[in-house]
Structure formats: structure tokens, C-alpha cells
Amino acid sequence: LVVKLSGNKTRNIVLGLLLGTAIPSAFINEASIAPMYIPIALALYTLTNKTVPAPRLGKLLMMSIAIGCMVGAPMSPTGGARNAIMIGFLEDYVSPNISFFEWMKMGVFYTVVMSIVMAFLLPFLFKPEVKDLSEAVAILKVDLEKHGKMTREQWLVGGIMILIIFMWITDKTVTASILGFSLGLGGVAITGAVLYMLLGLTSWRDYEQNVSWGVIILYAGAISLGAVFKSSGAAKWLADSLIAIMSNFGISSELPLIMFVILIGALLTNLMSAGATVAVIGPVVLEMAQASGTNVILVGVGLAISTSLAYWLVIGTPASSIVYASGQIEAKDFIRMATYAWPIAIIVMFAMVIFWWNGVLPYDYGIDMARVPVAGG
């Protein structure tokens, strides 16, 4: 579909790869999305490279896949463990908690704007030797047509995935009205997993052998660490101490605090995993928001989205590592890209907070009293 819609121009294909990876990465782990698109990019590069040496074209196509996964993940709560962890933390601070659709409305600005920006920036950084890939695209289309139409099983897999996304988006409205209760992110995901087994599309053995249970346990431990950090009072003590220090620099509440949290998240995510960053500092920044009278949702979602800016290193995200393994990109290419893309992404996030969240969407920088949980509730 991406090949058919993108046309033959290199710039359009880059945009197609960016959007083609960004949209599904909002709902499916990027480690599953990147391998789906790498064969397409490799085929286009290999077919073109036979007639015209095009190493920069290979870098451009592969980097488009990695970046697409990075900018797409923040758009929904299921775009990465960091988002789900933050929603779990927010349950203690806001009521009702942020919904799936509400998060999407907040995150779509960053995903759309960064996709457009990177569609221009990447071809500038990795100037392709060929601007028209008509011959390679034509050969690839013929090869794709040999695979024939989608099978019944493939339609079922796609249909269930669409159903799961619909249930996530409408969990607190349509789904809740039908079932009488909300399933939550985990409940909907488990429902989908059960449907795949009931329809014979997979088996428990597949889940047992192919699901990274160790990663799940790792994140469960990280969440537990954050919960203990909060319940023990350590998070509040540290938050109060930081606010006292930061107030001397005019960074104590509302917009300055939100921007400070975004910057800290964007820095730390290049030193540790995004999930670990949110798990470790999430309770602290939420306590800082609550203590300073700042909108907790803006601080929490801002931190989660900022941790997607792991642009600098090959090991920054699973998609980056997978793309690097293709052999078309060097570690220095990520550093070169990040030198331009990272500060631009920070600016886009600041614009998102000021013009989108506070301008278009109904969010004030101050604490939302209508969503303060009732004590003991």
C-alpha cells in the first residue's frame, strides 16, 4: 500500500515510509513495525544501486523507517511502555484518568508535524543520488503482485487489530456502555490475544515462546519501584526540594515547569531506556506538578512524549537498532541526524504545549480542579 500511494519520487517515498511506520507504531510495538518495512526499503535501494551507486539513498530510506517509528509512538498510550507506565502513574493524580482518545488528541500534533519536518530534513542530510525511483518501484510492484491477494487468515488478523484499536479508543464510551464497565488498555489487549487463539490464528505456545516475558517483568519491576518511591514519600520530598531550588531560576510552576520536564526527559532518554526514564522520574515530576499547582496531565504526557527523542545513539530505540543491523547505516549517521532533529523536536514539543494543548485543546497550565481525585476515592 505504501509503495502504491507514494509514487516514484524519492521525497514522496520517504514521506510514505515515515507515515507508513509512524501510524502503526502508535498502536503496535515499533520492534514489530520496523522489520516489516526494511525489506521494501532494501529492495528499492538494491534495485537502484545496480545501475547507479546510491549509498546515501540507502541511508535515507533506512533512516526514514527508524524516525517514523520514533515520531509515531507518542501518538497513543499503546505506542510504547513509557506511555502505559505514565497512564498508570496518572491514576493517582487525576480522576477521571486520561482516556486513550484524549491522549491521541494531545499526541497527534507532534507526530504529524515531526513527520512533515523529517520528510524535508532527512533528504537534506542524506541527499539521495537518485530523485526518481520509477524503475525500482515498477519492479517492486510486479514482485508484490506475485504474492497474490490477502488470505482469510491475514484478513482476520487485520480485522481483529482494527477491532482492538477501536475498543482502545472507545473504551470509556462505546465499549464501556456495551459491557457496563471499562476494560482498560490491558483488558482490551488481552481480549485481542484471546480472539487470535480462539480463531486459530495463533496458539498459547506461540505466546509462551515468542513474547518477551522478561521485558514485561522488567517493566513491572520499574513500575513497582516508582510506586514505592511515591508511597514512601521520597518522591514528594525530592519534588519539594527541587521546586525550592528551581524557583530561584523562575522554573517552579506551570509553563516553565512543563518545558523543564520535557527537556529533562529528552536528555535522559538518550542515557537510559524510555520506559526506565518514565518509571524513575515520573513520580517525581508528577509530585512537582501537584505541589506547584501545575496541570498534572500536561507534565505527565509531556514527559512521556519527550522520552521518544532517543535520536543520538543506535541503541536509543528498538527500531534504531533493527535498522542499524541492516548494514546501510553507520552510528555516526544517527549523531548527524540528531544534531539537527533533536533540537527541532524540542521546539516542536514546546510549540505543541503552547499552541496545541493550551491553544486548541482545553488545557490550562494550572492544575485542573475538576479532575482532582477525591480523598479516599
Protein backbone atom coordinates (compact mmCIF):
# COMPACT_ATOMS: atom_id res chain seq x y z
CA LEU A 1 0.00 0.00 0.00
CA VAL A 2 2.82 2.41 0.87
CA VAL A 3 4.55 1.66 -2.45
CA LYS A 4 1.32 2.22 -4.41
CA LEU A 5 0.41 5.50 -2.70
CA SER A 6 3.88 7.06 -2.56
CA GLY A 7 4.54 7.21 -6.29
CA ASN A 8 8.01 7.23 -7.82
CA LYS A 9 9.64 10.37 -6.43
CA THR A 10 12.22 9.73 -3.72
CA ARG A 11 10.87 12.51 -1.47
CA ASN A 12 7.34 11.08 -1.67
CA ILE A 13 8.61 7.60 -0.88
CA VAL A 14 10.44 8.99 2.17
CA LEU A 15 7.19 10.60 3.36
CA GLY A 16 5.37 7.33 2.67
CA LEU A 17 7.86 5.38 4.79
CA LEU A 18 7.64 7.97 7.57
CA LEU A 19 3.84 7.88 7.73
CA GLY A 20 3.65 4.17 6.97
CA THR A 21 5.75 3.40 10.05
CA ALA A 22 4.52 6.26 12.26
CA ILE A 23 0.81 5.41 12.15
CA PRO A 24 1.05 1.70 13.09
CA SER A 25 3.81 2.47 15.64
CA ALA A 26 1.20 4.38 17.61
CA PHE A 27 -0.62 1.10 18.27
CA ILE A 28 1.94 -1.69 17.78
CA ASN A 29 5.44 -2.02 19.21
CA GLU A 30 7.99 -0.43 16.88
CA ALA A 31 10.14 -3.56 17.08
CA SER A 32 7.40 -5.28 15.06
CA ILE A 33 6.86 -2.42 12.61
CA ALA A 34 10.45 -1.72 11.51
CA PRO A 35 11.15 -5.27 10.21
CA MET A 36 8.01 -5.07 8.05
CA TYR A 37 9.31 -2.08 6.10
CA ILE A 38 13.02 -2.85 5.90
CA PRO A 39 12.59 -5.37 3.01
CA ILE A 40 10.77 -2.69 0.99
CA ALA A 41 13.49 -0.10 1.60
CA LEU A 42 16.24 -2.63 0.89
CA ALA A 43 14.57 -3.70 -2.35
CA LEU A 44 14.27 -0.11 -3.59
CA TYR A 45 17.89 0.58 -2.69
CA THR A 46 19.26 -2.67 -4.15
CA LEU A 47 17.38 -2.32 -7.44
CA THR A 48 18.55 1.29 -7.84
CA ASN A 49 22.11 0.56 -6.75
CA LYS A 50 22.52 -1.93 -9.61
CA THR A 51 22.52 0.92 -12.13
CA VAL A 52 23.60 3.92 -10.05
CA PRO A 53 25.75 3.67 -6.90
CA ALA A 54 23.45 5.12 -4.23
CA PRO A 55 24.77 4.68 -0.67
CA ARG A 56 23.05 7.87 0.52
CA LEU A 57 19.74 6.60 -0.81
CA GLY A 58 20.11 3.50 1.35
CA LYS A 59 20.81 5.63 4.42
CA LEU A 60 17.85 7.89 3.64
CA LEU A 61 15.33 5.07 3.25
CA MET A 62 16.51 3.22 6.37
CA MET A 63 16.61 6.36 8.49
CA SER A 64 13.05 7.14 7.39
CA ILE A 65 11.89 3.85 8.91
CA ALA A 66 13.67 4.46 12.22
CA ILE A 67 12.42 8.04 12.52
CA GLY A 68 8.88 7.09 11.53
CA CYS A 69 8.73 4.62 14.41
CA MET A 70 10.11 7.23 16.83
CA VAL A 71 7.68 10.02 15.93
CA GLY A 72 4.65 7.72 15.72
CA ALA A 73 4.94 6.05 19.13
CA PRO A 74 3.93 9.12 21.21
CA MET A 75 0.58 9.44 19.44
CA SER A 76 -1.26 6.90 21.61
CA PRO A 77 -0.92 5.22 25.02
CA THR A 78 -0.03 1.90 23.37
CA GLY A 79 2.84 3.38 21.36
CA GLY A 80 5.37 2.29 23.95
CA ALA A 81 5.80 1.08 27.51
CA ARG A 82 6.61 4.64 28.63
CA ASN A 83 3.10 5.79 27.72
CA ALA A 84 1.37 2.92 29.52
CA ILE A 85 3.58 3.44 32.59
CA MET A 86 2.67 7.12 32.70
CA ILE A 87 -1.06 6.37 32.47
CA GLY A 88 -0.63 4.05 35.44
CA PHE A 89 1.06 6.82 37.44
CA LEU A 90 -1.59 9.38 36.47
CA GLU A 91 -4.34 7.25 38.02
CA ASP A 92 -3.23 8.51 41.45
CA TYR A 93 -3.33 12.16 40.42
CA VAL A 94 -6.33 12.73 38.14
CA SER A 95 -9.90 11.48 38.08
CA PRO A 96 -11.17 10.63 35.59
CA ASN A 97 -7.83 9.47 34.22
CA ILE A 98 -6.75 10.48 30.72
CA SER A 99 -8.51 8.35 28.10
CA PHE A 100 -6.98 6.69 25.05
CA PHE A 101 -8.64 9.17 22.68
CA GLU A 102 -7.68 12.14 24.85
CA TRP A 103 -4.03 11.08 24.70
CA MET A 104 -4.29 10.73 20.91
CA LYS A 105 -5.61 14.28 20.59
CA MET A 106 -2.65 15.50 22.63
CA GLY A 107 -0.02 13.48 20.75
CA VAL A 108 -1.19 13.82 17.14
CA PHE A 109 0.34 17.31 16.78
CA TYR A 110 3.86 16.07 17.48
CA THR A 111 3.53 13.04 15.19
CA VAL A 112 2.12 14.96 12.22
CA VAL A 113 4.45 17.96 12.47
CA MET A 114 7.60 15.90 13.02
CA SER A 115 6.70 13.56 10.13
CA ILE A 116 6.44 16.56 7.80
CA VAL A 117 9.62 18.16 9.17
CA MET A 118 11.62 14.95 8.80
CA ALA A 119 10.32 14.45 5.25
CA PHE A 120 12.29 17.59 4.37
CA LEU A 121 15.19 17.26 6.81
CA LEU A 122 16.24 13.68 6.00
CA PRO A 123 16.65 14.26 2.22
CA PHE A 124 18.66 17.38 3.10
CA LEU A 125 21.00 15.44 5.41
CA PHE A 126 21.25 12.34 3.20
CA LYS A 127 20.94 13.76 -0.30
CA PRO A 128 19.84 10.83 -2.49
CA GLU A 129 21.80 10.18 -5.66
CA VAL A 130 18.54 9.43 -7.48
CA LYS A 131 15.40 11.57 -7.19
CA ASP A 132 13.15 9.28 -9.22
CA LEU A 133 12.85 5.57 -8.43
CA SER A 134 10.40 4.68 -11.22
CA GLU A 135 12.31 1.62 -12.41
CA ALA A 136 12.83 0.18 -8.94
CA VAL A 137 9.21 0.88 -7.93
CA ALA A 138 7.88 -0.81 -11.08
CA ILE A 139 9.94 -3.96 -10.44
CA LEU A 140 8.91 -3.99 -6.77
CA LYS A 141 5.22 -3.68 -7.68
CA VAL A 142 5.47 -6.66 -10.02
CA ASP A 143 7.16 -8.68 -7.29
CA LEU A 144 4.49 -7.72 -4.75
CA GLU A 145 1.70 -8.73 -7.13
CA LYS A 146 3.16 -12.24 -7.30
CA HIS A 147 2.19 -12.72 -3.66
CA GLY A 148 -1.46 -12.60 -4.67
CA LYS A 149 -4.43 -11.42 -2.64
CA MET A 150 -4.65 -11.44 1.14
CA THR A 151 -5.62 -14.78 2.66
CA ARG A 152 -8.53 -15.35 5.04
CA GLU A 153 -6.12 -15.53 7.98
CA GLN A 154 -4.49 -12.23 7.03
CA TRP A 155 -7.88 -10.53 6.81
CA LEU A 156 -8.81 -11.90 10.23
CA VAL A 157 -5.55 -10.67 11.77
CA GLY A 158 -6.11 -7.21 10.31
CA GLY A 159 -9.77 -7.17 11.32
CA ILE A 160 -9.04 -8.08 14.94
CA MET A 161 -6.30 -5.46 15.09
CA ILE A 162 -8.76 -2.80 13.89
CA LEU A 163 -11.29 -4.03 16.48
CA ILE A 164 -8.68 -3.76 19.24
CA ILE A 165 -7.77 -0.20 18.22
CA PHE A 166 -11.48 0.73 18.12
CA MET A 167 -12.00 -0.74 21.59
CA TRP A 168 -8.99 1.16 22.92
CA ILE A 169 -10.23 4.46 21.51
CA THR A 170 -13.82 3.95 22.70
CA ASP A 171 -13.03 2.09 25.92
CA LYS A 172 -14.64 4.69 28.18
CA THR A 173 -17.58 5.39 25.85
CA VAL A 174 -18.87 2.75 23.41
CA THR A 175 -17.06 -0.26 24.89
CA ALA A 176 -18.00 0.71 28.45
CA SER A 177 -21.66 1.25 27.52
CA ILE A 178 -21.89 -2.19 25.87
CA LEU A 179 -20.08 -4.14 28.61
CA GLY A 180 -21.13 -1.97 31.52
CA PHE A 181 -17.52 -1.39 32.58
CA SER A 182 -14.20 -0.22 31.17
CA LEU A 183 -11.66 -2.86 30.14
CA GLY A 184 -8.64 -0.57 30.23
CA LEU A 185 -5.59 -0.86 27.99
CA GLY A 186 -4.57 -4.26 29.34
CA GLY A 187 -8.08 -5.72 29.22
CA VAL A 188 -8.54 -4.80 25.57
CA ALA A 189 -5.10 -6.20 24.67
CA ILE A 190 -5.87 -9.50 26.43
CA THR A 191 -9.24 -9.66 24.63
CA GLY A 192 -7.44 -9.39 21.31
CA ALA A 193 -4.89 -12.03 22.30
CA VAL A 194 -7.70 -14.44 23.26
CA LEU A 195 -9.54 -13.80 19.97
CA TYR A 196 -6.40 -14.68 18.00
CA MET A 197 -6.23 -18.02 19.83
CA LEU A 198 -9.96 -18.79 19.55
CA LEU A 199 -9.88 -18.24 15.79
CA GLY A 200 -6.83 -20.47 15.39
CA LEU A 201 -4.56 -17.66 14.24
CA THR A 202 -2.01 -18.38 16.95
CA SER A 203 -1.55 -20.64 19.96
CA TRP A 204 -0.54 -20.38 23.59
CA ARG A 205 2.78 -21.98 22.66
CA ASP A 206 3.44 -19.06 20.30
CA TYR A 207 2.79 -16.60 23.12
CA GLU A 208 4.89 -18.66 25.51
CA GLN A 209 7.89 -18.85 23.19
CA ASN A 210 7.78 -15.55 21.30
CA VAL A 211 6.53 -12.98 23.82
CA SER A 212 9.36 -11.25 25.71
CA TRP A 213 8.08 -12.10 29.18
CA GLY A 214 11.33 -10.91 30.72
CA VAL A 215 10.73 -7.40 29.36
CA ILE A 216 7.21 -7.41 30.83
CA ILE A 217 8.58 -8.42 34.24
CA LEU A 218 11.30 -5.77 33.91
CA TYR A 219 8.75 -3.01 33.34
CA ALA A 220 6.55 -4.37 36.14
CA GLY A 221 9.54 -4.02 38.44
CA ALA A 222 10.17 -0.47 37.20
CA ILE A 223 6.54 0.47 37.87
CA SER A 224 6.76 -1.07 41.35
CA LEU A 225 9.90 0.94 42.04
CA GLY A 226 8.10 4.12 41.05
CA ALA A 227 5.09 3.22 43.21
CA VAL A 228 7.30 2.63 46.25
CA PHE A 229 9.12 5.87 45.54
CA LYS A 230 5.77 7.68 45.74
CA SER A 231 4.18 5.79 48.64
CA SER A 232 7.27 6.17 50.84
CA GLY A 233 7.16 9.94 50.47
CA ALA A 234 10.58 10.03 48.80
CA ALA A 235 9.13 11.38 45.55
CA LYS A 236 7.33 14.22 47.35
CA TRP A 237 10.42 15.12 49.39
CA LEU A 238 12.58 15.22 46.28
CA ALA A 239 9.92 17.16 44.36
CA ASP A 240 9.63 19.80 47.10
CA SER A 241 13.41 20.11 47.27
CA LEU A 242 13.73 20.55 43.50
CA ILE A 243 10.94 23.13 43.36
CA ALA A 244 12.64 25.13 46.12
CA ILE A 245 15.89 25.15 44.14
CA MET A 246 14.29 25.76 40.74
CA SER A 247 12.16 28.65 42.00
CA ASN A 248 15.37 30.67 42.21
CA PHE A 249 15.61 30.36 38.42
CA GLY A 250 11.94 31.04 37.71
CA ILE A 251 11.17 27.37 36.99
CA SER A 252 8.72 26.49 39.70
CA SER A 253 5.31 26.01 38.13
CA GLU A 254 3.08 25.91 35.06
CA LEU A 255 4.65 26.52 31.60
CA PRO A 256 8.32 26.81 32.71
CA LEU A 257 7.98 23.58 34.71
CA ILE A 258 6.34 21.71 31.82
CA MET A 259 9.12 22.79 29.44
CA PHE A 260 11.78 21.87 32.01
CA VAL A 261 10.30 18.36 32.38
CA ILE A 262 10.22 17.93 28.59
CA LEU A 263 13.88 18.92 28.32
CA ILE A 264 14.93 16.59 31.14
CA GLY A 265 13.01 13.68 29.61
CA ALA A 266 14.54 14.30 26.18
CA LEU A 267 18.04 14.29 27.71
CA LEU A 268 17.67 11.25 29.97
CA THR A 269 16.07 9.04 27.32
CA ASN A 270 19.37 9.10 25.43
CA LEU A 271 21.14 7.71 28.50
CA MET A 272 18.61 5.05 29.55
CA SER A 273 15.54 3.40 28.05
CA ALA A 274 12.38 5.46 27.66
CA GLY A 275 10.40 3.16 29.95
CA ALA A 276 13.04 3.38 32.66
CA THR A 277 13.16 7.17 32.35
CA VAL A 278 9.41 7.49 32.91
CA ALA A 279 9.41 4.88 35.69
CA VAL A 280 12.23 6.59 37.60
CA ILE A 281 11.42 10.29 37.28
CA GLY A 282 7.69 10.06 36.55
CA PRO A 283 6.60 10.03 40.22
CA VAL A 284 8.95 12.93 40.99
CA VAL A 285 7.76 15.26 38.22
CA LEU A 286 4.10 14.44 38.94
CA GLU A 287 4.65 15.33 42.59
CA MET A 288 6.35 18.54 41.45
CA ALA A 289 3.33 19.37 39.29
CA GLN A 290 0.87 18.69 42.10
CA ALA A 291 2.88 20.64 44.68
CA SER A 292 3.30 23.65 42.38
CA GLY A 293 -0.29 23.77 41.13
CA THR A 294 0.65 22.75 37.58
CA ASN A 295 -1.59 20.66 35.33
CA VAL A 296 -0.51 17.09 36.12
CA ILE A 297 -1.71 15.72 32.78
CA LEU A 298 0.44 18.16 30.79
CA VAL A 299 3.51 17.32 32.85
CA GLY A 300 2.92 13.56 32.64
CA VAL A 301 2.13 13.36 28.94
CA GLY A 302 4.89 15.87 28.19
CA LEU A 303 7.44 13.65 29.93
CA ALA A 304 6.21 10.51 28.16
CA ILE A 305 6.35 12.10 24.70
CA SER A 306 9.75 13.68 25.35
CA THR A 307 11.26 10.26 26.05
CA SER A 308 10.70 9.35 22.40
CA LEU A 309 13.56 11.70 21.46
CA ALA A 310 16.24 9.00 21.72
CA TYR A 311 17.80 10.13 18.44
CA TRP A 312 21.51 10.18 19.27
CA LEU A 313 22.51 6.53 19.65
CA VAL A 314 21.98 3.33 17.68
CA ILE A 315 20.69 1.67 20.84
CA GLY A 316 18.26 4.52 21.55
CA THR A 317 15.19 2.60 20.36
CA PRO A 318 14.48 -0.94 19.11
CA ALA A 319 13.72 0.46 15.65
CA SER A 320 17.10 2.20 15.51
CA SER A 321 18.93 -1.00 16.44
CA ILE A 322 16.98 -3.05 13.89
CA VAL A 323 17.60 -0.54 11.10
CA TYR A 324 21.29 -0.31 12.02
CA ALA A 325 21.55 -4.09 11.74
CA SER A 326 20.60 -3.84 8.06
CA GLY A 327 24.12 -2.59 7.37
CA GLN A 328 23.05 0.52 5.47
CA ILE A 329 23.54 2.99 8.33
CA GLU A 330 26.55 3.83 10.49
CA ALA A 331 26.45 5.02 14.10
CA LYS A 332 27.72 8.44 13.02
CA ASP A 333 24.65 8.83 10.80
CA PHE A 334 22.42 8.85 13.88
CA ILE A 335 24.61 11.50 15.52
CA ARG A 336 24.50 13.63 12.38
CA MET A 337 20.72 13.30 12.16
CA ALA A 338 20.22 14.02 15.86
CA THR A 339 22.35 17.17 15.71
CA TYR A 340 19.56 18.75 13.66
CA ALA A 341 16.48 16.67 14.52
CA TRP A 342 16.79 16.65 18.33
CA PRO A 343 16.65 20.45 18.87
CA ILE A 344 13.93 20.73 16.22
CA ALA A 345 11.89 18.09 18.05
CA ILE A 346 12.29 20.04 21.31
CA ILE A 347 10.98 23.18 19.58
CA VAL A 348 8.05 21.23 18.12
CA MET A 349 7.20 19.93 21.60
CA PHE A 350 7.31 23.43 23.07
CA ALA A 351 5.02 24.61 20.25
CA MET A 352 2.71 21.66 20.97
CA VAL A 353 2.37 22.70 24.62
CA ILE A 354 1.81 26.40 23.88
CA PHE A 355 -0.27 26.40 20.71
CA TRP A 356 -1.92 22.96 20.64
CA TRP A 357 -2.50 21.91 24.25
CA ASN A 358 -3.13 25.39 25.66
CA GLY A 359 -4.50 26.95 22.46
CA VAL A 360 -6.60 24.44 20.53
CA LEU A 361 -7.23 21.82 23.22
CA PRO A 362 -8.91 22.80 26.52
CA TYR A 363 -5.89 22.59 28.84
CA ASP A 364 -4.72 25.31 31.20
CA TYR A 365 -1.19 25.24 32.59
CA GLY A 366 -2.59 25.39 36.10
CA ILE A 367 -3.99 22.39 37.95
CA ASP A 368 -7.41 21.17 36.75
CA MET A 369 -9.55 21.18 39.88
CA ALA A 370 -12.33 19.26 38.10
CA ARG A 371 -10.01 16.25 37.83
CA VAL A 372 -8.51 16.23 41.30
CA PRO A 373 -9.24 12.80 42.86
CA VAL A 374 -11.49 12.75 45.90
CA ALA A 375 -9.54 11.70 49.00
CA GLY A 376 -10.12 8.02 49.73
CA GLY A 377 -11.88 7.58 46.37
